[in-house]
Structures are given as C-alpha cells and as structure tokens.
Amino acid sequence: MSTSSWPRITDLFTTGTGDVALMGAPLGLGSVTPGRCADAPRVVRETLKRFSTYDVETGRELAVRIADKGDAPVAELMPADAFAPVRDHAAHCTASHALTLVIGGNNAVTRPAAHGLGLPLSQVGLITLDAHFDLRGTDEGPRNGNPIRCLLEDGLPGRNIVQIGLAPYANTAAMHRTAKEEGIGVITISDVKKRGIVDVLEDAFVRLSHCPALMVDFDIDVIDRAQCPGAPGARPGGMPVDMFFEAARWVGGHRKVKLADLTEFDPGLDVSDITALTAGRWVCEMLAGFSERT
C-alpha cells in the first residue's frame, strides 16, 4: 500500500527542522532484570510504520513534523558512562524543539534526560508514571532502579517530583518513607483508578506550577501486565492501557512539558507485538496532544 493512499506516522519524519524531536536512548545494561531494552528505539521506529496519521475519533489528521535525531551512542554502555551522551543528545534536541520524545532504553535514561533540559534542577519538575519509586540505593552507581534517587542526590528537590501509579507489593517501606521525607507527591495506582488520570495529572501540574519546565517519565511497567507483556517490571492490576494513552495525549498538550521519555520496553519479552504497538500508540498520542497546544 502506498503512503499516498495510507499516510503513515513515519511520513511525518524529517532529518531537518521539525516541530517535535524524537531521539533514541538504547540503554540496556545496568538493569535490575537483564533483557533487551536497548532494542526498543529500533523496534518502536519500525512499529510506527503501522500507524496512520488519522484519528477517527476526533476526525483530525496529524500534521506534526518529527525531527528524527537518531540514537545516543549508549547501547554498549553502563548507565554511569551513558550519562553524558544521553544528556548532551537530549540537550541538543530540547534547545531547538518545543517537545522532545526520548525512546529508551531502560529507566536509567531518565536521569540524564532531565539534565538535558539545560536548566538548574531546582527549576525542573518531574512527573513519573511508574509502578515503582525507583529509589533503590546508589552504592553500585546509577541503575534503572534508582533514577529518582540519583536525581535527588544530584539536587532535584523532592517537592519538584510527583510519582503516579505506584503498585502494591512492588516497593519497600523504606522507599515510601524516603519519598514522603523528601516531599515527593505519591499517587498509587488505586488512587489513579478511583480519580481518573486527568484529575491526577491536573493536580500534579498545580503542585509543580513553580517549575518553569516539566519532564514526564512514562515507564510502561505502570501498565497492567496483561496489556503490556514486554515490560519486565509490569504487574497484574496496573494502569489500563487506554488510561496510559489518555495521559500521553493530555501531557503532550501542555506547553510546560519540554521532554517525555518512554522506558522499560523489552522487545525480547513482547507477545504478538502488543507492547511495541503500545509504544507506537504512545508516540501518536503525544503528537496528538502537541498538535492541540495553544
């Protein structure tokens, strides 16, 4: 089928100037659960060929230009060594684009991506959609299980962080205490399901209104595992995937959001492309939200 009769999301890609920057951060080493997260940027780009530019629910055609900035050269690096390449690649993207989408890679990419905003961390707000606090210790250096702990140690104030979708029996009491002591906003998955994701996000944005720039970390293990088999940390009872998409569109529509990442997709665990298609739809929803910015 020709692209002229069935325009695809990848038809919006350009190697020149674009409205939105897309970059890969294929970081796989240093994961709590070893796997193939480094393959995710390649798989997501390939999967985007299966998405059209037309949203039948709104009757709108996406016309956002996407500058594909390639991948940071981190596939063979541990998170500590990958810090500068990811930060610098993200900084290049955020300096010239209103929104940058980072396709991880494991969750260790979140720390350097936040630094890539080019602002003092005191001015950065971070929202995570994640089943986990990511507050493991840093005695062995940065890992995918401790990007929030690393950012706190780097100087990101706890009051600048809101964590959404935390799952029962997937964290520790010590991590929960640390989050509360640091002033981090904590919203469990049951809270999200009771209130709705938009209500939760609206409150998070109010809480972070003192921050001139926001980053949102979409760790796909926040999604219910039955709907996201390619996420090694996902649990039964997680966020419904349609709520995840709703969050992406809502977040993409807000001017304060300068960068969003998608992390913890392991193509080696995927079944029938379910998670790959979820990641591709996330890109589409972020673009749809961005196209509605005023």
Protein backbone atom coordinates (compact mmCIF):
# COMPACT_ATOMS: atom_id res chain seq x y z
CA MET A 1 0.00 0.00 0.00
CA SER A 2 1.48 3.34 -0.98
CA THR A 3 1.96 6.08 1.57
CA SER A 4 -0.05 8.45 -0.63
CA SER A 5 -3.23 6.42 -0.06
CA TRP A 6 -2.40 5.42 3.52
CA PRO A 7 -0.21 8.15 5.10
CA ARG A 8 1.86 6.81 7.96
CA ILE A 9 3.33 8.42 11.06
CA THR A 10 6.78 7.80 9.58
CA ASP A 11 5.84 10.03 6.64
CA LEU A 12 6.00 12.90 9.14
CA PHE A 13 9.66 12.18 9.88
CA THR A 14 12.27 14.63 8.66
CA THR A 15 16.02 14.82 9.08
CA GLY A 16 15.76 18.60 9.02
CA THR A 17 13.84 21.01 11.22
CA GLY A 18 10.76 19.59 12.92
CA ASP A 19 8.13 20.57 15.46
CA VAL A 20 8.92 17.64 17.75
CA ALA A 21 12.28 15.93 18.24
CA LEU A 22 12.50 12.15 18.54
CA MET A 23 15.63 10.52 19.89
CA GLY A 24 16.55 7.03 20.98
CA ALA A 25 18.47 6.17 24.13
CA PRO A 26 19.15 2.43 23.66
CA LEU A 27 20.45 1.80 27.16
CA GLY A 28 20.09 -1.81 28.27
CA LEU A 29 22.96 -2.52 30.62
CA GLY A 30 22.62 -1.97 34.34
CA SER A 31 19.04 -3.23 34.53
CA VAL A 32 17.70 -4.91 37.65
CA THR A 33 16.24 -7.51 35.28
CA PRO A 34 18.63 -8.03 32.32
CA GLY A 35 16.96 -8.03 28.93
CA ARG A 36 16.82 -6.32 25.54
CA CYS A 37 15.63 -2.79 26.32
CA ALA A 38 18.41 -1.49 24.07
CA ASP A 39 16.43 -2.79 21.09
CA ALA A 40 13.40 -0.65 21.90
CA PRO A 41 14.20 2.51 19.87
CA ARG A 42 14.72 0.48 16.70
CA VAL A 43 11.55 -1.57 17.26
CA VAL A 44 9.43 1.49 18.02
CA ARG A 45 10.58 3.29 14.88
CA GLU A 46 9.78 0.21 12.82
CA THR A 47 6.39 -0.18 14.50
CA LEU A 48 5.44 3.43 13.75
CA LYS A 49 5.16 2.41 10.08
CA ARG A 50 1.98 0.57 11.09
CA PHE A 51 0.22 3.72 12.35
CA SER A 52 -1.67 6.13 10.13
CA THR A 53 -1.79 9.89 10.68
CA TYR A 54 -5.58 9.99 11.01
CA ASP A 55 -7.53 9.86 14.29
CA VAL A 56 -11.02 8.55 13.54
CA GLU A 57 -12.29 9.61 16.98
CA THR A 58 -11.53 13.30 16.51
CA GLY A 59 -11.61 13.44 12.71
CA ARG A 60 -8.19 15.07 12.71
CA GLU A 61 -5.12 14.39 10.62
CA LEU A 62 -1.75 14.73 12.34
CA ALA A 63 0.49 17.20 10.55
CA VAL A 64 3.28 17.49 13.11
CA ARG A 65 6.79 17.36 11.67
CA ILE A 66 9.03 14.95 13.56
CA ALA A 67 12.77 15.52 13.51
CA ASP A 68 14.35 12.11 13.99
CA LYS A 69 17.59 12.87 15.78
CA GLY A 70 18.83 9.30 15.84
CA ASP A 71 20.14 7.47 18.88
CA ALA A 72 22.57 8.47 21.58
CA PRO A 73 25.55 6.07 21.32
CA VAL A 74 24.91 4.20 24.56
CA ALA A 75 23.91 0.65 23.61
CA GLU A 76 27.13 -0.86 24.98
CA LEU A 77 27.50 1.44 27.98
CA MET A 78 26.63 1.20 31.65
CA PRO A 79 24.39 3.99 32.95
CA ALA A 80 27.25 5.98 34.52
CA ASP A 81 29.11 6.08 31.21
CA ALA A 82 25.90 6.76 29.27
CA PHE A 83 25.07 9.86 31.32
CA ALA A 84 26.92 12.44 29.22
CA PRO A 85 25.90 11.05 25.77
CA VAL A 86 22.20 10.95 26.70
CA ARG A 87 22.30 14.35 28.42
CA ASP A 88 24.07 16.00 25.52
CA HIS A 89 21.83 14.40 22.87
CA ALA A 90 18.73 15.47 24.81
CA ALA A 91 20.13 18.97 25.31
CA HIS A 92 20.65 19.33 21.56
CA CYS A 93 17.03 18.34 20.98
CA THR A 94 15.41 20.44 23.69
CA ALA A 95 17.36 23.55 22.71
CA SER A 96 15.61 23.73 19.34
CA HIS A 97 12.28 21.92 19.81
CA ALA A 98 9.24 22.63 21.95
CA LEU A 99 8.89 18.93 22.77
CA THR A 100 11.41 16.10 22.76
CA LEU A 101 10.39 12.44 22.91
CA VAL A 102 13.03 10.06 24.22
CA ILE A 103 12.62 6.36 23.48
CA GLY A 104 14.56 4.25 25.97
CA GLY A 105 16.19 2.03 26.85
CA ASN A 106 15.81 1.25 30.49
CA ASN A 107 14.72 3.74 33.11
CA ALA A 108 18.29 4.86 33.80
CA VAL A 109 17.89 7.23 30.81
CA THR A 110 15.51 9.40 32.86
CA ARG A 111 18.28 10.96 34.94
CA PRO A 112 20.46 12.26 32.07
CA ALA A 113 17.36 13.24 30.09
CA ALA A 114 16.28 15.51 32.96
CA HIS A 115 19.70 17.16 32.92
CA GLY A 116 19.29 17.57 29.17
CA LEU A 117 16.63 20.21 29.74
CA GLY A 118 19.52 22.61 30.27
CA LEU A 119 18.11 24.17 33.43
CA PRO A 120 19.16 24.02 37.07
CA LEU A 121 17.38 21.06 38.63
CA SER A 122 15.69 23.45 41.05
CA GLN A 123 13.67 24.68 38.05
CA VAL A 124 12.77 21.23 36.67
CA GLY A 125 9.55 19.41 37.54
CA LEU A 126 9.39 15.66 37.09
CA ILE A 127 6.27 13.51 36.84
CA THR A 128 6.63 9.74 36.65
CA LEU A 129 4.03 7.22 35.58
CA ASP A 130 5.61 4.15 37.11
CA ALA A 131 4.78 1.14 39.25
CA HIS A 132 7.96 1.78 41.24
CA PHE A 133 9.54 4.57 43.29
CA ASP A 134 12.94 3.98 41.60
CA LEU A 135 14.59 4.85 44.89
CA ARG A 136 16.98 1.93 45.17
CA GLY A 137 20.40 2.73 46.64
CA THR A 138 23.23 4.20 44.58
CA ASP A 139 26.10 2.34 46.21
CA GLU A 140 26.72 0.48 42.92
CA GLY A 141 26.15 3.54 40.79
CA PRO A 142 23.24 4.51 38.54
CA ARG A 143 20.87 1.72 37.51
CA ASN A 144 17.37 1.52 36.08
CA GLY A 145 16.04 1.02 39.61
CA ASN A 146 17.36 4.28 41.05
CA PRO A 147 16.99 7.26 38.67
CA ILE A 148 14.84 9.17 41.18
CA ARG A 149 17.34 8.55 43.97
CA CYS A 150 20.13 9.71 41.64
CA LEU A 151 18.24 12.88 40.73
CA LEU A 152 17.60 13.65 44.40
CA GLU A 153 21.33 13.29 45.03
CA ASP A 154 22.02 15.50 42.01
CA GLY A 155 19.92 18.26 43.59
CA LEU A 156 16.39 17.81 42.21
CA PRO A 157 14.13 18.84 45.10
CA GLY A 158 11.60 16.24 46.21
CA ARG A 159 8.87 18.86 46.04
CA ASN A 160 9.54 19.02 42.29
CA ILE A 161 8.59 15.35 41.83
CA VAL A 162 5.20 13.63 41.56
CA GLN A 163 5.04 9.85 41.17
CA ILE A 164 1.85 8.36 39.73
CA GLY A 165 0.71 4.73 39.51
CA LEU A 166 2.77 3.15 42.28
CA ALA A 167 1.86 -0.51 42.69
CA PRO A 168 1.29 -2.52 45.87
CA TYR A 169 3.90 -5.15 46.70
CA ALA A 170 6.31 -3.67 44.17
CA ASN A 171 8.16 -1.27 46.51
CA THR A 172 9.56 -1.14 50.04
CA ALA A 173 8.52 0.68 53.18
CA ALA A 174 11.92 2.38 53.26
CA MET A 175 11.41 3.79 49.76
CA HIS A 176 7.95 5.04 50.71
CA ARG A 177 9.39 6.76 53.78
CA THR A 178 12.11 8.37 51.69
CA ALA A 179 9.54 9.68 49.21
CA LYS A 180 7.46 11.21 52.00
CA GLU A 181 10.50 12.66 53.79
CA GLU A 182 11.74 14.24 50.55
CA GLY A 183 8.33 15.80 49.87
CA ILE A 184 7.62 13.76 46.74
CA GLY A 185 3.99 13.56 45.64
CA VAL A 186 2.87 9.92 45.85
CA ILE A 187 -0.20 8.68 43.94
CA THR A 188 -0.90 4.93 43.99
CA ILE A 189 -2.48 3.01 41.15
CA SER A 190 -5.70 2.57 43.13
CA ASP A 191 -5.83 6.36 43.64
CA VAL A 192 -5.49 6.83 39.88
CA LYS A 193 -8.25 4.36 39.09
CA LYS A 194 -10.62 6.00 41.58
CA ARG A 195 -9.98 9.57 40.48
CA GLY A 196 -9.11 9.21 36.80
CA ILE A 197 -5.77 10.05 35.23
CA VAL A 198 -6.68 13.57 34.06
CA ASP A 199 -7.75 14.65 37.55
CA VAL A 200 -4.50 13.25 38.96
CA LEU A 201 -2.39 14.97 36.32
CA GLU A 202 -4.17 18.29 36.80
CA ASP A 203 -3.30 18.18 40.50
CA ALA A 204 0.29 17.23 39.69
CA PHE A 205 0.65 20.20 37.35
CA VAL A 206 -0.72 22.53 40.03
CA ARG A 207 1.73 21.06 42.55
CA LEU A 208 4.59 21.72 40.11
CA SER A 209 3.39 25.14 39.00
CA HIS A 210 6.54 26.71 40.47
CA CYS A 211 8.67 24.82 37.90
CA PRO A 212 9.18 26.57 34.54
CA ALA A 213 9.83 23.30 32.69
CA LEU A 214 8.43 19.80 33.13
CA MET A 215 9.59 16.33 32.15
CA VAL A 216 7.32 13.29 32.24
CA ASP A 217 8.71 9.78 32.55
CA PHE A 218 6.38 7.14 31.09
CA ASP A 219 7.68 3.83 32.41
CA ILE A 220 5.48 1.30 30.64
CA ASP A 221 5.60 -1.07 33.59
CA VAL A 222 2.88 1.13 35.08
CA ILE A 223 0.51 -0.62 32.65
CA ASP A 224 -1.32 -3.79 33.63
CA ARG A 225 0.94 -6.70 32.71
CA ALA A 226 -1.77 -8.50 30.74
CA GLN A 227 -1.83 -5.50 28.41
CA CYS A 228 1.94 -4.96 28.37
CA PRO A 229 3.88 -8.25 28.35
CA GLY A 230 7.06 -6.60 27.08
CA ALA A 231 7.60 -4.67 30.31
CA PRO A 232 9.65 -6.78 32.74
CA GLY A 233 8.52 -4.83 35.79
CA ALA A 234 4.80 -4.67 34.98
CA ARG A 235 2.35 -6.25 37.45
CA PRO A 236 -1.22 -7.51 37.25
CA GLY A 237 -3.59 -4.77 38.38
CA GLY A 238 -1.65 -1.94 36.79
CA MET A 239 -2.92 1.01 34.77
CA PRO A 240 -5.35 0.19 31.94
CA VAL A 241 -3.63 0.90 28.64
CA ASP A 242 -6.36 3.29 27.46
CA MET A 243 -5.68 5.41 30.56
CA PHE A 244 -1.97 5.41 29.64
CA PHE A 245 -2.86 6.75 26.19
CA GLU A 246 -5.18 9.35 27.73
CA ALA A 247 -2.31 10.52 29.92
CA ALA A 248 0.03 10.78 26.93
CA ARG A 249 -2.36 12.97 24.94
CA TRP A 250 -3.08 15.19 27.94
CA VAL A 251 0.62 15.60 28.76
CA GLY A 252 1.55 16.27 25.14
CA GLY A 253 -0.89 19.16 25.05
CA HIS A 254 0.83 21.21 27.77
CA ARG A 255 3.45 23.78 26.86
CA LYS A 256 5.41 23.33 30.08
CA VAL A 257 6.25 19.76 29.11
CA LYS A 258 9.57 20.02 27.28
CA LEU A 259 10.55 16.36 27.31
CA ALA A 260 8.89 12.99 27.82
CA ASP A 261 10.52 9.58 27.83
CA LEU A 262 9.18 6.08 27.30
CA THR A 263 11.19 3.47 29.17
CA GLU A 264 11.42 -0.21 30.13
CA PHE A 265 10.11 -1.72 26.89
CA ASP A 266 11.92 -5.02 26.33
CA PRO A 267 11.14 -6.37 22.83
CA GLY A 268 12.57 -9.72 23.85
CA LEU A 269 9.62 -10.28 26.20
CA ASP A 270 6.90 -8.98 23.91
CA VAL A 271 3.99 -11.14 22.73
CA SER A 272 2.30 -10.57 19.35
CA ASP A 273 3.76 -7.01 19.22
CA ILE A 274 1.40 -5.88 21.99
CA THR A 275 3.97 -3.73 23.77
CA ALA A 276 5.55 -2.48 20.55
CA LEU A 277 2.14 -1.29 19.39
CA THR A 278 1.54 0.28 22.80
CA ALA A 279 4.81 2.20 22.50
CA GLY A 280 3.94 3.28 18.95
CA ARG A 281 0.50 4.47 20.03
CA TRP A 282 2.14 6.43 22.87
CA VAL A 283 4.13 8.38 20.27
CA CYS A 284 0.94 9.06 18.32
CA GLU A 285 -0.90 10.28 21.41
CA MET A 286 1.95 12.57 22.42
CA LEU A 287 1.92 14.04 18.92
CA ALA A 288 -1.85 14.44 19.00
CA GLY A 289 -1.62 16.32 22.28
CA PHE A 290 1.21 18.50 20.97
CA SER A 291 -0.81 19.40 17.86
CA GLU A 292 -3.51 20.85 20.13
CA ARG A 293 -1.17 23.17 22.06
CA THR A 294 -2.29 26.79 22.01
